[in-house]
Amino acid sequence: MYIRVTRGRFSSANTDETVRMARDQLVPALKQRPGFRNYYAGLNRDAGTLVAISTWDTREQAQEAQTARGPFESLGIRFEAPEIFEVTVEA
């Protein structure tokens, strides 16, 4: 199993819209992708930072899991390049 981690920065003015788009648009799209297992997103409202973590069956699926960033970028979110990690310990 592999973990895909994407970090970003956002404007607090768009927090509610960002969460709504992730819940209503992004998550259903991810669930249709081969190898998808889980998705978690977290916001640090004070710092204006976010992290999105998804888990995948294979490294290739994690790498190919490009999401539609356009709608999120139009809200002012700036994403860093994603990182892929192999799961080595699970509890």
PDB file of N, CA and C in Angstrom:
ATOM      1  N   MET A   1       0.855  -1.168   0.000  1.00  0.00           N
ATOM      2  CA  MET A   1       0.000   0.000   0.000  1.00  0.00           C
ATOM      3  C   MET A   1       0.902   1.233   0.000  1.00  0.00           C
ATOM      4  N   TYR A   2       0.387   2.317  -0.596  1.00  0.00           N
ATOM      5  CA  TYR A   2       1.142   3.558  -0.717  1.00  0.00           C
ATOM      6  C   TYR A   2       0.308   4.743  -0.255  1.00  0.00           C
ATOM      7  N   ILE A   3       1.015   5.714   0.303  1.00  0.00           N
ATOM      8  CA  ILE A   3       0.385   6.936   0.799  1.00  0.00           C
ATOM      9  C   ILE A   3       0.811   8.080  -0.112  1.00  0.00           C
ATOM     10  N   ARG A   4      -0.162   8.870  -0.525  1.00  0.00           N
ATOM     11  CA  ARG A   4       0.108  10.087  -1.297  1.00  0.00           C
ATOM     12  C   ARG A   4      -0.195  11.270  -0.384  1.00  0.00           C
ATOM     13  N   VAL A   5       0.784  12.148  -0.210  1.00  0.00           N
ATOM     14  CA  VAL A   5       0.634  13.308   0.665  1.00  0.00           C
ATOM     15  C   VAL A   5       0.807  14.569  -0.179  1.00  0.00           C
ATOM     16  N   THR A   6      -0.185  15.450  -0.109  1.00  0.00           N
ATOM     17  CA  THR A   6      -0.118  16.732  -0.802  1.00  0.00           C
ATOM     18  C   THR A   6      -0.369  17.831   0.225  1.00  0.00           C
ATOM     19  N   ARG A   7       0.502  18.813   0.215  1.00  0.00           N
ATOM     20  CA  ARG A   7       0.357  19.953   1.120  1.00  0.00           C
ATOM     21  C   ARG A   7       0.007  21.199   0.306  1.00  0.00           C
ATOM     22  N   GLY A   8      -0.574  22.171   0.996  1.00  0.00           N
ATOM     23  CA  GLY A   8      -0.918  23.402   0.297  1.00  0.00           C
ATOM     24  C   GLY A   8      -1.206  24.532   1.254  1.00  0.00           C
ATOM     25  N   ARG A   9      -1.456  25.696   0.668  1.00  0.00           N
ATOM     26  CA  ARG A   9      -1.806  26.901   1.417  1.00  0.00           C
ATOM     27  C   ARG A   9      -3.123  27.421   0.876  1.00  0.00           C
ATOM     28  N   PHE A  10      -3.947  27.986   1.762  1.00  0.00           N
ATOM     29  CA  PHE A  10      -5.257  28.464   1.336  1.00  0.00           C
ATOM     30  C   PHE A  10      -5.606  29.760   2.054  1.00  0.00           C
ATOM     31  N   SER A  11      -6.579  30.458   1.518  1.00  0.00           N
ATOM     32  CA  SER A  11      -7.088  31.675   2.130  1.00  0.00           C
ATOM     33  C   SER A  11      -8.222  31.305   3.073  1.00  0.00           C
ATOM     34  N   SER A  12      -8.186  31.838   4.271  1.00  0.00           N
ATOM     35  CA  SER A  12      -9.233  31.519   5.234  1.00  0.00           C
ATOM     36  C   SER A  12     -10.604  32.007   4.765  1.00  0.00           C
ATOM     37  N   ALA A  13     -10.628  32.938   3.827  1.00  0.00           N
ATOM     38  CA  ALA A  13     -11.904  33.442   3.302  1.00  0.00           C
ATOM     39  C   ALA A  13     -12.651  32.364   2.526  1.00  0.00           C
ATOM     40  N   ASN A  14     -11.931  31.340   2.048  1.00  0.00           N
ATOM     41  CA  ASN A  14     -12.539  30.299   1.219  1.00  0.00           C
ATOM     42  C   ASN A  14     -12.591  28.941   1.900  1.00  0.00           C
ATOM     43  N   THR A  15     -12.433  28.886   3.201  1.00  0.00           N
ATOM     44  CA  THR A  15     -12.371  27.612   3.907  1.00  0.00           C
ATOM     45  C   THR A  15     -13.621  26.769   3.701  1.00  0.00           C
ATOM     46  N   ASP A  16     -14.789  27.357   3.906  1.00  0.00           N
ATOM     47  CA  ASP A  16     -16.025  26.583   3.781  1.00  0.00           C
ATOM     48  C   ASP A  16     -16.219  26.051   2.374  1.00  0.00           C
ATOM     49  N   GLU A  17     -15.925  26.848   1.364  1.00  0.00           N
ATOM     50  CA  GLU A  17     -16.069  26.410  -0.027  1.00  0.00           C
ATOM     51  C   GLU A  17     -15.063  25.314  -0.358  1.00  0.00           C
ATOM     52  N   THR A  18     -13.847  25.426   0.172  1.00  0.00           N
ATOM     53  CA  THR A  18     -12.823  24.401  -0.048  1.00  0.00           C
ATOM     54  C   THR A  18     -13.274  23.061   0.518  1.00  0.00           C
ATOM     55  N   VAL A  19     -13.783  23.065   1.732  1.00  0.00           N
ATOM     56  CA  VAL A  19     -14.245  21.835   2.372  1.00  0.00           C
ATOM     57  C   VAL A  19     -15.425  21.250   1.601  1.00  0.00           C
ATOM     58  N   ARG A  20     -16.353  22.082   1.196  1.00  0.00           N
ATOM     59  CA  ARG A  20     -17.523  21.610   0.446  1.00  0.00           C
ATOM     60  C   ARG A  20     -17.109  20.965  -0.871  1.00  0.00           C
ATOM     61  N   MET A  21     -16.196  21.598  -1.598  1.00  0.00           N
ATOM     62  CA  MET A  21     -15.750  21.044  -2.884  1.00  0.00           C
ATOM     63  C   MET A  21     -15.042  19.709  -2.692  1.00  0.00           C
ATOM     64  N   ALA A  22     -14.223  19.620  -1.662  1.00  0.00           N
ATOM     65  CA  ALA A  22     -13.517  18.362  -1.413  1.00  0.00           C
ATOM     66  C   ALA A  22     -14.509  17.252  -1.084  1.00  0.00           C
ATOM     67  N   ARG A  23     -15.464  17.549  -0.240  1.00  0.00           N
ATOM     68  CA  ARG A  23     -16.454  16.548   0.179  1.00  0.00           C
ATOM     69  C   ARG A  23     -17.385  16.154  -0.970  1.00  0.00           C
ATOM     70  N   ASP A  24     -17.882  17.144  -1.716  1.00  0.00           N
ATOM     71  CA  ASP A  24     -18.915  16.885  -2.715  1.00  0.00           C
ATOM     72  C   ASP A  24     -18.393  16.500  -4.094  1.00  0.00           C
ATOM     73  N   GLN A  25     -17.181  16.931  -4.430  1.00  0.00           N
ATOM     74  CA  GLN A  25     -16.665  16.675  -5.781  1.00  0.00           C
ATOM     75  C   GLN A  25     -15.445  15.767  -5.787  1.00  0.00           C
ATOM     76  N   LEU A  26     -14.461  16.093  -4.955  1.00  0.00           N
ATOM     77  CA  LEU A  26     -13.206  15.348  -4.985  1.00  0.00           C
ATOM     78  C   LEU A  26     -13.365  13.919  -4.491  1.00  0.00           C
ATOM     79  N   VAL A  27     -13.971  13.746  -3.324  1.00  0.00           N
ATOM     80  CA  VAL A  27     -14.083  12.402  -2.742  1.00  0.00           C
ATOM     81  C   VAL A  27     -14.847  11.440  -3.655  1.00  0.00           C
ATOM     82  N   PRO A  28     -16.008  11.825  -4.211  1.00  0.00           N
ATOM     83  CA  PRO A  28     -16.682  10.897  -5.128  1.00  0.00           C
ATOM     84  C   PRO A  28     -15.821  10.529  -6.347  1.00  0.00           C
ATOM     85  N   ALA A  29     -15.038  11.487  -6.851  1.00  0.00           N
ATOM     86  CA  ALA A  29     -14.163  11.198  -7.994  1.00  0.00           C
ATOM     87  C   ALA A  29     -13.054  10.227  -7.598  1.00  0.00           C
ATOM     88  N   LEU A  30     -12.476  10.407  -6.425  1.00  0.00           N
ATOM     89  CA  LEU A  30     -11.424   9.498  -5.970  1.00  0.00           C
ATOM     90  C   LEU A  30     -11.941   8.081  -5.798  1.00  0.00           C
ATOM     91  N   LYS A  31     -13.154   7.953  -5.297  1.00  0.00           N
ATOM     92  CA  LYS A  31     -13.722   6.626  -5.058  1.00  0.00           C
ATOM     93  C   LYS A  31     -13.891   5.823  -6.351  1.00  0.00           C
ATOM     94  N   GLN A  32     -13.875   6.484  -7.480  1.00  0.00           N
ATOM     95  CA  GLN A  32     -14.005   5.806  -8.779  1.00  0.00           C
ATOM     96  C   GLN A  32     -12.659   5.346  -9.327  1.00  0.00           C
ATOM     97  N   ARG A  33     -11.563   5.791  -8.726  1.00  0.00           N
ATOM     98  CA  ARG A  33     -10.226   5.475  -9.233  1.00  0.00           C
ATOM     99  C   ARG A  33      -9.799   4.065  -8.825  1.00  0.00           C
ATOM    100  N   PRO A  34      -9.173   3.325  -9.738  1.00  0.00           N
ATOM    101  CA  PRO A  34      -8.650   2.001  -9.383  1.00  0.00           C
ATOM    102  C   PRO A  34      -7.603   2.109  -8.278  1.00  0.00           C
ATOM    103  N   GLY A  35      -7.681   1.216  -7.315  1.00  0.00           N
ATOM    104  CA  GLY A  35      -6.691   1.139  -6.256  1.00  0.00           C
ATOM    105  C   GLY A  35      -6.913   2.087  -5.101  1.00  0.00           C
ATOM    106  N   PHE A  36      -7.929   2.938  -5.177  1.00  0.00           N
ATOM    107  CA  PHE A  36      -8.178   3.896  -4.104  1.00  0.00           C
ATOM    108  C   PHE A  36      -8.631   3.167  -2.845  1.00  0.00           C
ATOM    109  N   ARG A  37      -8.114   3.612  -1.697  1.00  0.00           N
ATOM    110  CA  ARG A  37      -8.514   3.036  -0.415  1.00  0.00           C
ATOM    111  C   ARG A  37      -9.150   4.070   0.513  1.00  0.00           C
ATOM    112  N   ASN A  38      -8.418   5.138   0.819  1.00  0.00           N
ATOM    113  CA  ASN A  38      -8.890   6.128   1.797  1.00  0.00           C
ATOM    114  C   ASN A  38      -8.426   7.527   1.414  1.00  0.00           C
ATOM    115  N   TYR A  39      -9.112   8.508   1.961  1.00  0.00           N
ATOM    116  CA  TYR A  39      -8.725   9.912   1.780  1.00  0.00           C
ATOM    117  C   TYR A  39      -8.976  10.655   3.083  1.00  0.00           C
ATOM    118  N   TYR A  40      -8.018  11.467   3.461  1.00  0.00           N
ATOM    119  CA  TYR A  40      -8.129  12.319   4.637  1.00  0.00           C
ATOM    120  C   TYR A  40      -7.629  13.705   4.259  1.00  0.00           C
ATOM    121  N   ALA A  41      -8.304  14.728   4.726  1.00  0.00           N
ATOM    122  CA  ALA A  41      -7.839  16.098   4.513  1.00  0.00           C
ATOM    123  C   ALA A  41      -7.894  16.814   5.849  1.00  0.00           C
ATOM    124  N   GLY A  42      -6.908  17.655   6.076  1.00  0.00           N
ATOM    125  CA  GLY A  42      -6.875  18.435   7.302  1.00  0.00           C
ATOM    126  C   GLY A  42      -6.472  19.864   7.014  1.00  0.00           C
ATOM    127  N   LEU A  43      -7.079  20.778   7.761  1.00  0.00           N
ATOM    128  CA  LEU A  43      -6.773  22.199   7.630  1.00  0.00           C
ATOM    129  C   LEU A  43      -6.220  22.731   8.937  1.00  0.00           C
ATOM    130  N   ASN A  44      -5.218  23.570   8.834  1.00  0.00           N
ATOM    131  CA  ASN A  44      -4.773  24.368   9.966  1.00  0.00           C
ATOM    132  C   ASN A  44      -5.277  25.771   9.663  1.00  0.00           C
ATOM    133  N   ARG A  45      -6.430  26.108  10.198  1.00  0.00           N
ATOM    134  CA  ARG A  45      -7.089  27.376   9.870  1.00  0.00           C
ATOM    135  C   ARG A  45      -6.246  28.579  10.269  1.00  0.00           C
ATOM    136  N   ASP A  46      -5.546  28.493  11.387  1.00  0.00           N
ATOM    137  CA  ASP A  46      -4.731  29.623  11.842  1.00  0.00           C
ATOM    138  C   ASP A  46      -3.549  29.884  10.907  1.00  0.00           C
ATOM    139  N   ALA A  47      -2.924  28.814  10.428  1.00  0.00           N
ATOM    140  CA  ALA A  47      -1.744  28.953   9.577  1.00  0.00           C
ATOM    141  C   ALA A  47      -2.098  29.049   8.096  1.00  0.00           C
ATOM    142  N   GLY A  48      -3.337  28.683   7.735  1.00  0.00           N
ATOM    143  CA  GLY A  48      -3.723  28.712   6.328  1.00  0.00           C
ATOM    144  C   GLY A  48      -3.063  27.607   5.517  1.00  0.00           C
ATOM    145  N   THR A  49      -2.832  26.461   6.163  1.00  0.00           N
ATOM    146  CA  THR A  49      -2.210  25.340   5.470  1.00  0.00           C
ATOM    147  C   THR A  49      -3.151  24.143   5.468  1.00  0.00           C
ATOM    148  N   LEU A  50      -2.915  23.258   4.509  1.00  0.00           N
ATOM    149  CA  LEU A  50      -3.719  22.045   4.412  1.00  0.00           C
ATOM    150  C   LEU A  50      -2.832  20.868   4.067  1.00  0.00           C
ATOM    151  N   VAL A  51      -3.348  19.695   4.364  1.00  0.00           N
ATOM    152  CA  VAL A  51      -2.699  18.461   3.970  1.00  0.00           C
ATOM    153  C   VAL A  51      -3.796  17.510   3.492  1.00  0.00           C
ATOM    154  N   ALA A  52      -3.515  16.831   2.394  1.00  0.00           N
ATOM    155  CA  ALA A  52      -4.426  15.815   1.860  1.00  0.00           C
ATOM    156  C   ALA A  52      -3.652  14.514   1.769  1.00  0.00           C
ATOM    157  N   ILE A  53      -4.219  13.464   2.335  1.00  0.00           N
ATOM    158  CA  ILE A  53      -3.557  12.165   2.387  1.00  0.00           C
ATOM    159  C   ILE A  53      -4.504  11.126   1.807  1.00  0.00           C
ATOM    160  N   SER A  54      -4.009  10.379   0.836  1.00  0.00           N
ATOM    161  CA  SER A  54      -4.803   9.290   0.272  1.00  0.00           C
ATOM    162  C   SER A  54      -3.966   8.030   0.272  1.00  0.00           C
ATOM    163  N   THR A  55      -4.641   6.885   0.320  1.00  0.00           N
ATOM    164  CA  THR A  55      -3.939   5.607   0.286  1.00  0.00           C
ATOM    165  C   THR A  55      -4.384   4.829  -0.948  1.00  0.00           C
ATOM    166  N   TRP A  56      -3.414   4.089  -1.510  1.00  0.00           N
ATOM    167  CA  TRP A  56      -3.592   3.407  -2.793  1.00  0.00           C
ATOM    168  C   TRP A  56      -2.957   2.032  -2.740  1.00  0.00           C
ATOM    169  N   ASP A  57      -3.428   1.136  -3.587  1.00  0.00           N
ATOM    170  CA  ASP A  57      -2.881  -0.223  -3.645  1.00  0.00           C
ATOM    171  C   ASP A  57      -1.451  -0.244  -4.165  1.00  0.00           C
ATOM    172  N   THR A  58      -1.154   0.528  -5.208  1.00  0.00           N
ATOM    173  CA  THR A  58       0.172   0.488  -5.831  1.00  0.00           C
ATOM    174  C   THR A  58       0.772   1.886  -5.935  1.00  0.00           C
ATOM    175  N   ARG A  59       2.089   1.937  -6.075  1.00  0.00           N
ATOM    176  CA  ARG A  59       2.795   3.204  -6.267  1.00  0.00           C
ATOM    177  C   ARG A  59       2.293   3.898  -7.530  1.00  0.00           C
ATOM    178  N   GLU A  60       2.098   3.128  -8.596  1.00  0.00           N
ATOM    179  CA  GLU A  60       1.651   3.706  -9.861  1.00  0.00           C
ATOM    180  C   GLU A  60       0.280   4.374  -9.712  1.00  0.00           C
ATOM    181  N   GLN A  61      -0.627   3.727  -8.997  1.00  0.00           N
ATOM    182  CA  GLN A  61      -1.950   4.314  -8.783  1.00  0.00           C
ATOM    183  C   GLN A  61      -1.847   5.598  -7.968  1.00  0.00           C
ATOM    184  N   ALA A  62      -0.987   5.610  -6.973  1.00  0.00           N
ATOM    185  CA  ALA A  62      -0.792   6.819  -6.162  1.00  0.00           C
ATOM    186  C   ALA A  62      -0.210   7.945  -7.008  1.00  0.00           C
ATOM    187  N   GLN A  63       0.733   7.616  -7.880  1.00  0.00           N
ATOM    188  CA  GLN A  63       1.349   8.627  -8.728  1.00  0.00           C
ATOM    189  C   GLN A  63       0.371   9.161  -9.769  1.00  0.00           C
ATOM    190  N   GLU A  64      -0.502   8.309 -10.275  1.00  0.00           N
ATOM    191  CA  GLU A  64      -1.447   8.706 -11.316  1.00  0.00           C
ATOM    192  C   GLU A  64      -2.682   9.393 -10.754  1.00  0.00           C
ATOM    193  N   ALA A  65      -2.782   9.475  -9.458  1.00  0.00           N
ATOM    194  CA  ALA A  65      -3.989   9.995  -8.816  1.00  0.00           C
ATOM    195  C   ALA A  65      -4.041  11.517  -8.874  1.00  0.00           C
ATOM    196  N   GLN A  66      -3.850  12.058 -10.051  1.00  0.00           N
ATOM    197  CA  GLN A  66      -3.964  13.504 -10.213  1.00  0.00           C
ATOM    198  C   GLN A  66      -5.422  13.901 -10.072  1.00  0.00           C
ATOM    199  N   THR A  67      -5.658  14.842  -9.233  1.00  0.00           N
ATOM    200  CA  THR A  67      -7.020  15.315  -9.025  1.00  0.00           C
ATOM    201  C   THR A  67      -7.216  16.624  -9.779  1.00  0.00           C
ATOM    202  N   ALA A  68      -8.439  16.986  -9.959  1.00  0.00           N
ATOM    203  CA  ALA A  68      -8.760  18.242 -10.634  1.00  0.00           C
ATOM    204  C   ALA A  68      -8.436  19.398  -9.697  1.00  0.00           C
ATOM    205  N   ARG A  69      -7.272  19.968  -9.860  1.00  0.00           N
ATOM    206  CA  ARG A  69      -6.855  21.061  -8.992  1.00  0.00           C
ATOM    207  C   ARG A  69      -7.458  22.399  -9.404  1.00  0.00           C
ATOM    208  N   GLY A  70      -7.852  22.517 -10.661  1.00  0.00           N
ATOM    209  CA  GLY A  70      -8.342  23.787 -11.183  1.00  0.00           C
ATOM    210  C   GLY A  70      -9.367  24.474 -10.306  1.00  0.00           C
ATOM    211  N   PRO A  71     -10.456  23.789  -9.937  1.00  0.00           N
ATOM    212  CA  PRO A  71     -11.455  24.448  -9.090  1.00  0.00           C
ATOM    213  C   PRO A  71     -10.890  24.893  -7.739  1.00  0.00           C
ATOM    214  N   PHE A  72      -9.967  24.129  -7.200  1.00  0.00           N
ATOM    215  CA  PHE A  72      -9.370  24.491  -5.924  1.00  0.00           C
ATOM    216  C   PHE A  72      -8.386  25.653  -6.088  1.00  0.00           C
ATOM    217  N   GLU A  73      -7.614  25.619  -7.168  1.00  0.00           N
ATOM    218  CA  GLU A  73      -6.685  26.714  -7.429  1.00  0.00           C
ATOM    219  C   GLU A  73      -7.431  28.015  -7.692  1.00  0.00           C
ATOM    220  N   SER A  74      -8.641  27.918  -8.259  1.00  0.00           N
ATOM    221  CA  SER A  74      -9.432  29.136  -8.491  1.00  0.00           C
ATOM    222  C   SER A  74      -9.879  29.771  -7.178  1.00  0.00           C
ATOM    223  N   LEU A  75      -9.839  29.000  -6.090  1.00  0.00           N
ATOM    224  CA  LEU A  75     -10.140  29.535  -4.758  1.00  0.00           C
ATOM    225  C   LEU A  75      -8.887  30.092  -4.081  1.00  0.00           C
ATOM    226  N   GLY A  76      -7.769  30.047  -4.783  1.00  0.00           N
ATOM    227  CA  GLY A  76      -6.532  30.591  -4.241  1.00  0.00           C
ATOM    228  C   GLY A  76      -5.649  29.589  -3.539  1.00  0.00           C
ATOM    229  N   ILE A  77      -5.967  28.303  -3.638  1.00  0.00           N
ATOM    230  CA  ILE A  77      -5.136  27.286  -3.000  1.00  0.00           C
ATOM    231  C   ILE A  77      -3.887  27.067  -3.850  1.00  0.00           C
ATOM    232  N   ARG A  78      -2.744  27.038  -3.168  1.00  0.00           N
ATOM    233  CA  ARG A  78      -1.467  26.763  -3.839  1.00  0.00           C
ATOM    234  C   ARG A  78      -0.945  25.431  -3.320  1.00  0.00           C
ATOM    235  N   PHE A  79      -0.788  24.487  -4.225  1.00  0.00           N
ATOM    236  CA  PHE A  79      -0.371  23.133  -3.854  1.00  0.00           C
ATOM    237  C   PHE A  79       1.122  22.948  -4.050  1.00  0.00           C
ATOM    238  N   GLU A  80       1.714  22.152  -3.174  1.00  0.00           N
ATOM    239  CA  GLU A  80       3.081  21.677  -3.361  1.00  0.00           C
ATOM    240  C   GLU A  80       3.019  20.380  -4.160  1.00  0.00           C
ATOM    241  N   ALA A  81       4.154  19.948  -4.673  1.00  0.00           N
ATOM    242  CA  ALA A  81       4.204  18.669  -5.387  1.00  0.00           C
ATOM    243  C   ALA A  81       3.884  17.537  -4.418  1.00  0.00           C
ATOM    244  N   PRO A  82       3.082  16.561  -4.846  1.00  0.00           N
ATOM    245  CA  PRO A  82       2.755  15.449  -3.950  1.00  0.00           C
ATOM    246  C   PRO A  82       3.971  14.568  -3.689  1.00  0.00           C
ATOM    247  N   GLU A  83       3.943  13.894  -2.547  1.00  0.00           N
ATOM    248  CA  GLU A  83       4.961  12.922  -2.187  1.00  0.00           C
ATOM    249  C   GLU A  83       4.287  11.564  -2.051  1.00  0.00           C
ATOM    250  N   ILE A  84       5.000  10.505  -2.459  1.00  0.00           N
ATOM    251  CA  ILE A  84       4.481   9.142  -2.364  1.00  0.00           C
ATOM    252  C   ILE A  84       5.362   8.364  -1.388  1.00  0.00           C
ATOM    253  N   PHE A  85       4.711   7.670  -0.455  1.00  0.00           N
ATOM    254  CA  PHE A  85       5.424   6.884   0.541  1.00  0.00           C
ATOM    255  C   PHE A  85       4.898   5.445   0.531  1.00  0.00           C
ATOM    256  N   GLU A  86       5.798   4.500   0.652  1.00  0.00           N
ATOM    257  CA  GLU A  86       5.397   3.107   0.832  1.00  0.00           C
ATOM    258  C   GLU A  86       5.015   2.898   2.294  1.00  0.00           C
ATOM    259  N   VAL A  87       3.923   2.214   2.525  1.00  0.00           N
ATOM    260  CA  VAL A  87       3.519   1.904   3.900  1.00  0.00           C
ATOM    261  C   VAL A  87       4.432   0.785   4.397  1.00  0.00           C
ATOM    262  N   THR A  88       5.118   1.036   5.491  1.00  0.00           N
ATOM    263  CA  THR A  88       6.018   0.045   6.058  1.00  0.00           C
ATOM    264  C   THR A  88       5.561  -0.450   7.419  1.00  0.00           C
ATOM    265  N   VAL A  89       4.695   0.327   8.092  1.00  0.00           N
ATOM    266  CA  VAL A  89       4.133  -0.069   9.379  1.00  0.00           C
ATOM    267  C   VAL A  89       2.678   0.367   9.389  1.00  0.00           C
ATOM    268  N   GLU A  90       1.807  -0.509   9.850  1.00  0.00           N
ATOM    269  CA  GLU A  90       0.385  -0.196   9.918  1.00  0.00           C
ATOM    270  C   GLU A  90      -0.149  -0.690  11.248  1.00  0.00           C
ATOM    271  N   ALA A  91      -1.039   0.096  11.856  1.00  0.00           N
ATOM    272  CA  ALA A  91      -1.613  -0.321  13.144  1.00  0.00           C
ATOM    273  C   ALA A  91      -3.114  -0.459  13.015  1.00  0.00           C
TER     274      ALA A  91
END
